[in-house]
Amino acid sequence: MGARRPSVAAQAVSEAARHAEAAELPRTLCDAACDVLAVEGATLSLFTDTPARQLLCASNDTALRLEEIQFTVAEGPCIAAASEGVPAVASGLREHVTPWPFFGATVVEQLPEVGAVCAFPLRIVDQTLGSMELFTRADDGLDASSLDAGAQVADAVAKALLPAHGELFDSSVSPQWQPPDVVRAHWSSTHQAIGVVAARFGLSVDGALATMRAEAFRTGQTLAEITATVLKRPPRP
């Protein structure tokens, strides 16, 4: 099934959001986006281009790994879409060099099934909340009509997530979205680990995150795995 017309796709996502329970909202939005845009996977995140990045949902393991790669290497289409406020596309990943060399090389090595990635900013008026990322197994990704539909779907997703954005600003605890272990691993636990590394080595928050990323590069682990190690066995100065 191909992607639906832009307005129809956005309406379908908005309708799904209206009937979703609060705890299931990100999952509902991910599933609806995959359905109406005919893609193999999707992720949603807030504050995507900052150390405070909050993963809301990944529709499957491949989508989650795409997010982990980008947060680890600090580049990629979802980060570009959030920072620049415009869609970012990486197509023909198995054949072409992307504008993000670390991201592209890592995806080819670890996720050879991914042919293309498209990311859209989640925007409300002039503020970017985060990003929605989609992937396809086909190298050419989304066609022009589907890209238009993706942009409208992203707008519908952003409106549905606006209360969640406020919740993150107003609360010091992780929202109770499912699955809770994935949410914690990609937000609160990461920040706890950054704080541990910063305190042990006398680093700034940015310096601690850079150190953890360097360790991920060195060991071939994800940032989530480095986080789990730091919290289990804090490093010595």
C-alpha atoms as a PDB file:
ATOM      1  CA  MET A   1       0.000   0.000   0.000  1.00  0.00           C
ATOM      2  CA  GLY A   2       1.351   3.422  -0.927  1.00  0.00           C
ATOM      3  CA  ALA A   3       1.266   6.538   1.210  1.00  0.00           C
ATOM      4  CA  ARG A   4      -2.079   8.319   1.462  1.00  0.00           C
ATOM      5  CA  ARG A   5      -2.697  11.840   0.182  1.00  0.00           C
ATOM      6  CA  PRO A   6      -1.095  14.484   2.464  1.00  0.00           C
ATOM      7  CA  SER A   7      -4.297  15.861   4.017  1.00  0.00           C
ATOM      8  CA  VAL A   8      -5.852  12.411   4.407  1.00  0.00           C
ATOM      9  CA  ALA A   9      -2.678  11.061   6.041  1.00  0.00           C
ATOM     10  CA  ALA A  10      -2.518  13.936   8.537  1.00  0.00           C
ATOM     11  CA  GLN A  11      -6.215  13.589   9.387  1.00  0.00           C
ATOM     12  CA  ALA A  12      -5.791   9.873  10.029  1.00  0.00           C
ATOM     13  CA  VAL A  13      -2.914  10.518  12.454  1.00  0.00           C
ATOM     14  CA  SER A  14      -4.861  13.260  14.261  1.00  0.00           C
ATOM     15  CA  GLU A  15      -7.854  10.950  14.601  1.00  0.00           C
ATOM     16  CA  ALA A  16      -5.672   8.167  16.015  1.00  0.00           C
ATOM     17  CA  ALA A  17      -4.202  10.599  18.559  1.00  0.00           C
ATOM     18  CA  ARG A  18      -7.652  11.701  19.739  1.00  0.00           C
ATOM     19  CA  HIS A  19      -8.568   8.128  20.641  1.00  0.00           C
ATOM     20  CA  ALA A  20      -5.250   7.196  22.285  1.00  0.00           C
ATOM     21  CA  GLU A  21      -4.716   6.892  26.012  1.00  0.00           C
ATOM     22  CA  ALA A  22      -2.072   9.295  27.337  1.00  0.00           C
ATOM     23  CA  ALA A  23       0.447   6.559  28.175  1.00  0.00           C
ATOM     24  CA  GLU A  24       0.109   5.079  24.687  1.00  0.00           C
ATOM     25  CA  LEU A  25       0.171   8.346  22.700  1.00  0.00           C
ATOM     26  CA  PRO A  26       3.739   8.134  21.297  1.00  0.00           C
ATOM     27  CA  ARG A  27       3.258   4.489  20.305  1.00  0.00           C
ATOM     28  CA  THR A  28      -0.075   5.286  18.671  1.00  0.00           C
ATOM     29  CA  LEU A  29       1.469   8.152  16.708  1.00  0.00           C
ATOM     30  CA  CYS A  30       4.407   6.010  15.566  1.00  0.00           C
ATOM     31  CA  ASP A  31       2.126   3.212  14.403  1.00  0.00           C
ATOM     32  CA  ALA A  32      -0.217   5.623  12.641  1.00  0.00           C
ATOM     33  CA  ALA A  33       2.672   7.353  10.840  1.00  0.00           C
ATOM     34  CA  CYS A  34       4.027   4.016   9.621  1.00  0.00           C
ATOM     35  CA  ASP A  35       0.575   3.019   8.394  1.00  0.00           C
ATOM     36  CA  VAL A  36      -0.385   6.175   6.501  1.00  0.00           C
ATOM     37  CA  LEU A  37       3.081   6.770   5.018  1.00  0.00           C
ATOM     38  CA  ALA A  38       3.764   3.107   4.170  1.00  0.00           C
ATOM     39  CA  VAL A  39       7.208   2.974   5.796  1.00  0.00           C
ATOM     40  CA  GLU A  40       8.960   0.194   7.709  1.00  0.00           C
ATOM     41  CA  GLY A  41       9.611   2.093  10.925  1.00  0.00           C
ATOM     42  CA  ALA A  42       9.392   5.420  12.747  1.00  0.00           C
ATOM     43  CA  THR A  43      10.734   7.203  15.808  1.00  0.00           C
ATOM     44  CA  LEU A  44       9.619  10.289  17.674  1.00  0.00           C
ATOM     45  CA  SER A  45      11.844  12.359  19.928  1.00  0.00           C
ATOM     46  CA  LEU A  46      11.856  15.753  21.633  1.00  0.00           C
ATOM     47  CA  PHE A  47      14.890  18.061  22.003  1.00  0.00           C
ATOM     48  CA  THR A  48      16.477  15.888  19.308  1.00  0.00           C
ATOM     49  CA  ASP A  49      19.525  18.050  18.617  1.00  0.00           C
ATOM     50  CA  THR A  50      20.481  18.653  22.266  1.00  0.00           C
ATOM     51  CA  PRO A  51      22.032  16.575  25.079  1.00  0.00           C
ATOM     52  CA  ALA A  52      18.554  16.659  26.674  1.00  0.00           C
ATOM     53  CA  ARG A  53      17.137  14.534  23.854  1.00  0.00           C
ATOM     54  CA  GLN A  54      14.077  12.524  24.912  1.00  0.00           C
ATOM     55  CA  LEU A  55      13.152   9.458  22.903  1.00  0.00           C
ATOM     56  CA  LEU A  56       9.377   9.072  22.930  1.00  0.00           C
ATOM     57  CA  CYS A  57       8.916   5.964  20.858  1.00  0.00           C
ATOM     58  CA  ALA A  58      10.611   3.689  18.350  1.00  0.00           C
ATOM     59  CA  SER A  59       8.274   1.467  16.365  1.00  0.00           C
ATOM     60  CA  ASN A  60      10.745  -1.442  16.137  1.00  0.00           C
ATOM     61  CA  ASP A  61      14.323  -2.445  16.931  1.00  0.00           C
ATOM     62  CA  THR A  62      15.732  -1.074  13.663  1.00  0.00           C
ATOM     63  CA  ALA A  63      14.138   2.315  14.257  1.00  0.00           C
ATOM     64  CA  LEU A  64      15.519   2.345  17.801  1.00  0.00           C
ATOM     65  CA  ARG A  65      19.018   1.498  16.568  1.00  0.00           C
ATOM     66  CA  LEU A  66      18.860   4.347  14.038  1.00  0.00           C
ATOM     67  CA  GLU A  67      18.111   6.731  16.898  1.00  0.00           C
ATOM     68  CA  GLU A  68      20.891   5.292  19.039  1.00  0.00           C
ATOM     69  CA  ILE A  69      23.408   5.658  16.220  1.00  0.00           C
ATOM     70  CA  GLN A  70      22.545   9.316  15.725  1.00  0.00           C
ATOM     71  CA  PHE A  71      22.629  10.162  19.404  1.00  0.00           C
ATOM     72  CA  THR A  72      25.989   8.404  19.700  1.00  0.00           C
ATOM     73  CA  VAL A  73      27.692   9.985  16.672  1.00  0.00           C
ATOM     74  CA  ALA A  74      25.914  13.357  17.159  1.00  0.00           C
ATOM     75  CA  GLU A  75      24.864  13.641  13.515  1.00  0.00           C
ATOM     76  CA  GLY A  76      22.251  12.352  11.103  1.00  0.00           C
ATOM     77  CA  PRO A  77      18.956  13.287   9.465  1.00  0.00           C
ATOM     78  CA  CYS A  78      16.831  13.490  12.626  1.00  0.00           C
ATOM     79  CA  ILE A  79      19.365  15.812  14.292  1.00  0.00           C
ATOM     80  CA  ALA A  80      19.611  17.914  11.123  1.00  0.00           C
ATOM     81  CA  ALA A  81      15.823  18.171  10.815  1.00  0.00           C
ATOM     82  CA  ALA A  82      15.505  19.332  14.424  1.00  0.00           C
ATOM     83  CA  SER A  83      18.382  21.816  14.290  1.00  0.00           C
ATOM     84  CA  GLU A  84      17.560  23.290  10.869  1.00  0.00           C
ATOM     85  CA  GLY A  85      13.777  23.115  11.032  1.00  0.00           C
ATOM     86  CA  VAL A  86      13.405  21.475   7.603  1.00  0.00           C
ATOM     87  CA  PRO A  87      13.091  17.861   6.412  1.00  0.00           C
ATOM     88  CA  ALA A  88      16.323  15.903   5.966  1.00  0.00           C
ATOM     89  CA  VAL A  89      16.669  12.915   3.645  1.00  0.00           C
ATOM     90  CA  ALA A  90      19.341  10.236   3.331  1.00  0.00           C
ATOM     91  CA  SER A  91      18.562   7.929   0.408  1.00  0.00           C
ATOM     92  CA  GLY A  92      20.537   5.173  -1.228  1.00  0.00           C
ATOM     93  CA  LEU A  93      22.412   4.535   2.003  1.00  0.00           C
ATOM     94  CA  ARG A  94      23.933   1.315   0.686  1.00  0.00           C
ATOM     95  CA  GLU A  95      25.362   3.075  -2.380  1.00  0.00           C
ATOM     96  CA  HIS A  96      25.919   6.770  -1.649  1.00  0.00           C
ATOM     97  CA  VAL A  97      27.869   8.885   0.827  1.00  0.00           C
ATOM     98  CA  THR A  98      25.575  10.974   3.031  1.00  0.00           C
ATOM     99  CA  PRO A  99      26.162  14.503   4.382  1.00  0.00           C
ATOM    100  CA  TRP A 100      26.727  12.733   7.724  1.00  0.00           C
ATOM    101  CA  PRO A 101      29.736  10.416   7.221  1.00  0.00           C
ATOM    102  CA  PHE A 102      29.806   8.779  10.669  1.00  0.00           C
ATOM    103  CA  PHE A 103      26.072   8.159  10.562  1.00  0.00           C
ATOM    104  CA  GLY A 104      26.125   6.806   7.017  1.00  0.00           C
ATOM    105  CA  ALA A 105      29.058   4.466   7.578  1.00  0.00           C
ATOM    106  CA  THR A 106      27.614   3.116  10.830  1.00  0.00           C
ATOM    107  CA  VAL A 107      24.184   2.462   9.306  1.00  0.00           C
ATOM    108  CA  VAL A 108      25.715   0.589   6.356  1.00  0.00           C
ATOM    109  CA  GLU A 109      27.749  -1.535   8.774  1.00  0.00           C
ATOM    110  CA  GLN A 110      25.109  -2.229  11.395  1.00  0.00           C
ATOM    111  CA  LEU A 111      21.772  -1.852   9.565  1.00  0.00           C
ATOM    112  CA  PRO A 112      22.279  -3.018   5.983  1.00  0.00           C
ATOM    113  CA  GLU A 113      18.532  -3.535   5.633  1.00  0.00           C
ATOM    114  CA  VAL A 114      17.919   0.244   5.765  1.00  0.00           C
ATOM    115  CA  GLY A 115      17.830   1.830   2.325  1.00  0.00           C
ATOM    116  CA  ALA A 116      16.674   5.379   3.120  1.00  0.00           C
ATOM    117  CA  VAL A 117      15.885   7.612   6.090  1.00  0.00           C
ATOM    118  CA  CYS A 118      13.623  10.679   6.083  1.00  0.00           C
ATOM    119  CA  ALA A 119      13.327  12.999   9.068  1.00  0.00           C
ATOM    120  CA  PHE A 120      10.880  15.833   9.682  1.00  0.00           C
ATOM    121  CA  PRO A 121      10.974  18.574  12.335  1.00  0.00           C
ATOM    122  CA  LEU A 122       8.133  18.585  14.835  1.00  0.00           C
ATOM    123  CA  ARG A 123       7.220  22.261  14.864  1.00  0.00           C
ATOM    124  CA  ILE A 124       4.616  24.424  16.570  1.00  0.00           C
ATOM    125  CA  VAL A 125       4.524  27.887  14.964  1.00  0.00           C
ATOM    126  CA  ASP A 126       8.212  28.924  15.043  1.00  0.00           C
ATOM    127  CA  GLN A 127       9.394  26.466  17.700  1.00  0.00           C
ATOM    128  CA  THR A 128      10.890  23.062  16.923  1.00  0.00           C
ATOM    129  CA  LEU A 129       9.977  20.482  19.560  1.00  0.00           C
ATOM    130  CA  GLY A 130      11.954  17.576  18.114  1.00  0.00           C
ATOM    131  CA  SER A 131      11.787  15.265  15.125  1.00  0.00           C
ATOM    132  CA  MET A 132       9.955  12.390  13.481  1.00  0.00           C
ATOM    133  CA  GLU A 133      12.142   9.925  11.624  1.00  0.00           C
ATOM    134  CA  LEU A 134      11.046   7.305   9.096  1.00  0.00           C
ATOM    135  CA  PHE A 135      12.984   4.570   7.343  1.00  0.00           C
ATOM    136  CA  THR A 136      12.372   2.373   4.326  1.00  0.00           C
ATOM    137  CA  ARG A 137      14.101  -0.712   3.015  1.00  0.00           C
ATOM    138  CA  ALA A 138      13.880   0.723  -0.497  1.00  0.00           C
ATOM    139  CA  ASP A 139      16.841   2.890  -1.492  1.00  0.00           C
ATOM    140  CA  ASP A 140      14.725   5.694  -2.973  1.00  0.00           C
ATOM    141  CA  GLY A 141      12.758   6.327   0.218  1.00  0.00           C
ATOM    142  CA  LEU A 142       9.670   8.550  -0.038  1.00  0.00           C
ATOM    143  CA  ASP A 143       8.548  10.094  -3.322  1.00  0.00           C
ATOM    144  CA  ALA A 144       7.583  13.772  -3.602  1.00  0.00           C
ATOM    145  CA  SER A 145       3.939  13.187  -2.688  1.00  0.00           C
ATOM    146  CA  SER A 146       4.899  11.067   0.301  1.00  0.00           C
ATOM    147  CA  LEU A 147       7.364  13.715   1.483  1.00  0.00           C
ATOM    148  CA  ASP A 148       4.528  16.260   1.408  1.00  0.00           C
ATOM    149  CA  ALA A 149       2.370  13.831   3.366  1.00  0.00           C
ATOM    150  CA  GLY A 150       5.224  13.268   5.831  1.00  0.00           C
ATOM    151  CA  ALA A 151       5.499  16.986   6.502  1.00  0.00           C
ATOM    152  CA  GLN A 152       1.771  17.257   7.217  1.00  0.00           C
ATOM    153  CA  VAL A 153       1.847  14.129   9.382  1.00  0.00           C
ATOM    154  CA  ALA A 154       4.752  15.653  11.353  1.00  0.00           C
ATOM    155  CA  ASP A 155       2.642  18.775  11.978  1.00  0.00           C
ATOM    156  CA  ALA A 156      -0.222  16.609  13.235  1.00  0.00           C
ATOM    157  CA  VAL A 157       2.172  14.676  15.490  1.00  0.00           C
ATOM    158  CA  ALA A 158       3.631  17.894  16.911  1.00  0.00           C
ATOM    159  CA  LYS A 159       0.182  19.189  17.862  1.00  0.00           C
ATOM    160  CA  ALA A 160      -0.666  15.896  19.535  1.00  0.00           C
ATOM    161  CA  LEU A 161       2.612  15.930  21.491  1.00  0.00           C
ATOM    162  CA  LEU A 162       2.446  19.549  22.651  1.00  0.00           C
ATOM    163  CA  PRO A 163       1.160  18.606  26.145  1.00  0.00           C
ATOM    164  CA  ALA A 164       4.034  16.106  26.451  1.00  0.00           C
ATOM    165  CA  HIS A 165       6.498  18.885  25.652  1.00  0.00           C
ATOM    166  CA  GLY A 166       5.084  20.912  28.532  1.00  0.00           C
ATOM    167  CA  GLU A 167       5.207  17.891  30.835  1.00  0.00           C
ATOM    168  CA  LEU A 168       8.939  17.504  30.212  1.00  0.00           C
ATOM    169  CA  PHE A 169       9.582  21.161  30.978  1.00  0.00           C
ATOM    170  CA  ASP A 170       7.447  21.135  34.120  1.00  0.00           C
ATOM    171  CA  SER A 171       8.471  17.792  35.611  1.00  0.00           C
ATOM    172  CA  SER A 172      11.761  16.326  36.797  1.00  0.00           C
ATOM    173  CA  VAL A 173      10.625  12.737  36.262  1.00  0.00           C
ATOM    174  CA  SER A 174      10.425  10.697  33.090  1.00  0.00           C
ATOM    175  CA  PRO A 175       6.940  10.576  31.562  1.00  0.00           C
ATOM    176  CA  GLN A 176       5.271   7.220  32.064  1.00  0.00           C
ATOM    177  CA  TRP A 177       5.311   6.163  28.424  1.00  0.00           C
ATOM    178  CA  GLN A 178       5.794   2.601  27.355  1.00  0.00           C
ATOM    179  CA  PRO A 179       8.046   0.713  27.363  1.00  0.00           C
ATOM    180  CA  PRO A 180       9.400   2.431  30.489  1.00  0.00           C
ATOM    181  CA  ASP A 181      12.851   0.824  30.329  1.00  0.00           C
ATOM    182  CA  VAL A 182      13.449   2.238  26.830  1.00  0.00           C
ATOM    183  CA  VAL A 183      12.216   5.681  27.882  1.00  0.00           C
ATOM    184  CA  ARG A 184      14.525   5.707  30.912  1.00  0.00           C
ATOM    185  CA  ALA A 185      17.523   4.440  28.950  1.00  0.00           C
ATOM    186  CA  HIS A 186      17.167   7.272  26.456  1.00  0.00           C
ATOM    187  CA  TRP A 187      16.512  10.138  28.802  1.00  0.00           C
ATOM    188  CA  SER A 188      16.710  10.033  32.602  1.00  0.00           C
ATOM    189  CA  SER A 189      19.353   7.298  32.850  1.00  0.00           C
ATOM    190  CA  THR A 190      21.538   9.023  30.266  1.00  0.00           C
ATOM    191  CA  HIS A 191      21.441  12.265  32.228  1.00  0.00           C
ATOM    192  CA  GLN A 192      22.232  10.473  35.459  1.00  0.00           C
ATOM    193  CA  ALA A 193      25.278   8.895  33.806  1.00  0.00           C
ATOM    194  CA  ILE A 194      26.396  12.231  32.362  1.00  0.00           C
ATOM    195  CA  GLY A 195      26.216  13.686  35.863  1.00  0.00           C
ATOM    196  CA  VAL A 196      28.289  10.817  37.281  1.00  0.00           C
ATOM    197  CA  VAL A 197      31.005  11.203  34.629  1.00  0.00           C
ATOM    198  CA  ALA A 198      31.028  15.001  35.006  1.00  0.00           C
ATOM    199  CA  ALA A 199      31.466  14.748  38.790  1.00  0.00           C
ATOM    200  CA  ARG A 200      34.134  12.021  38.669  1.00  0.00           C
ATOM    201  CA  PHE A 201      36.309  13.780  36.093  1.00  0.00           C
ATOM    202  CA  GLY A 202      35.519  17.439  36.807  1.00  0.00           C
ATOM    203  CA  LEU A 203      33.928  17.935  33.392  1.00  0.00           C
ATOM    204  CA  SER A 204      31.106  20.070  32.066  1.00  0.00           C
ATOM    205  CA  VAL A 205      27.899  18.361  30.967  1.00  0.00           C
ATOM    206  CA  ASP A 206      28.957  18.693  27.326  1.00  0.00           C
ATOM    207  CA  GLY A 207      32.415  17.339  28.167  1.00  0.00           C
ATOM    208  CA  ALA A 208      30.962  14.360  30.018  1.00  0.00           C
ATOM    209  CA  LEU A 209      28.652  13.536  27.114  1.00  0.00           C
ATOM    210  CA  ALA A 210      31.572  13.825  24.675  1.00  0.00           C
ATOM    211  CA  THR A 211      33.591  11.437  26.860  1.00  0.00           C
ATOM    212  CA  MET A 212      30.767   8.900  26.876  1.00  0.00           C
ATOM    213  CA  ARG A 213      30.402   9.202  23.113  1.00  0.00           C
ATOM    214  CA  ALA A 214      34.132   8.655  22.671  1.00  0.00           C
ATOM    215  CA  GLU A 215      33.912   5.520  24.795  1.00  0.00           C
ATOM    216  CA  ALA A 216      31.015   4.301  22.663  1.00  0.00           C
ATOM    217  CA  PHE A 217      33.148   4.797  19.533  1.00  0.00           C
ATOM    218  CA  ARG A 218      36.100   3.037  21.141  1.00  0.00           C
ATOM    219  CA  THR A 219      34.144  -0.004  22.265  1.00  0.00           C
ATOM    220  CA  GLY A 220      31.533  -0.224  19.519  1.00  0.00           C
ATOM    221  CA  GLN A 221      28.738   0.067  22.075  1.00  0.00           C
ATOM    222  CA  THR A 222      25.687   2.295  22.015  1.00  0.00           C
ATOM    223  CA  LEU A 223      25.382   5.316  24.259  1.00  0.00           C
ATOM    224  CA  ALA A 224      22.594   3.485  26.106  1.00  0.00           C
ATOM    225  CA  GLU A 225      24.993   0.615  26.838  1.00  0.00           C
ATOM    226  CA  ILE A 226      27.677   3.022  28.047  1.00  0.00           C
ATOM    227  CA  THR A 227      25.051   4.648  30.273  1.00  0.00           C
ATOM    228  CA  ALA A 228      24.132   1.299  31.829  1.00  0.00           C
ATOM    229  CA  THR A 229      27.808   0.537  32.516  1.00  0.00           C
ATOM    230  CA  VAL A 230      28.447   3.935  34.118  1.00  0.00           C
ATOM    231  CA  LEU A 231      25.453   3.597  36.443  1.00  0.00           C
ATOM    232  CA  LYS A 232      26.375   0.033  37.377  1.00  0.00           C
ATOM    233  CA  ARG A 233      30.111   0.661  37.822  1.00  0.00           C
ATOM    234  CA  PRO A 234      30.977   4.371  38.083  1.00  0.00           C
ATOM    235  CA  PRO A 235      34.393   5.095  36.489  1.00  0.00           C
ATOM    236  CA  ARG A 236      37.341   5.995  38.657  1.00  0.00           C
ATOM    237  CA  PRO A 237      38.983   9.413  38.193  1.00  0.00           C
END
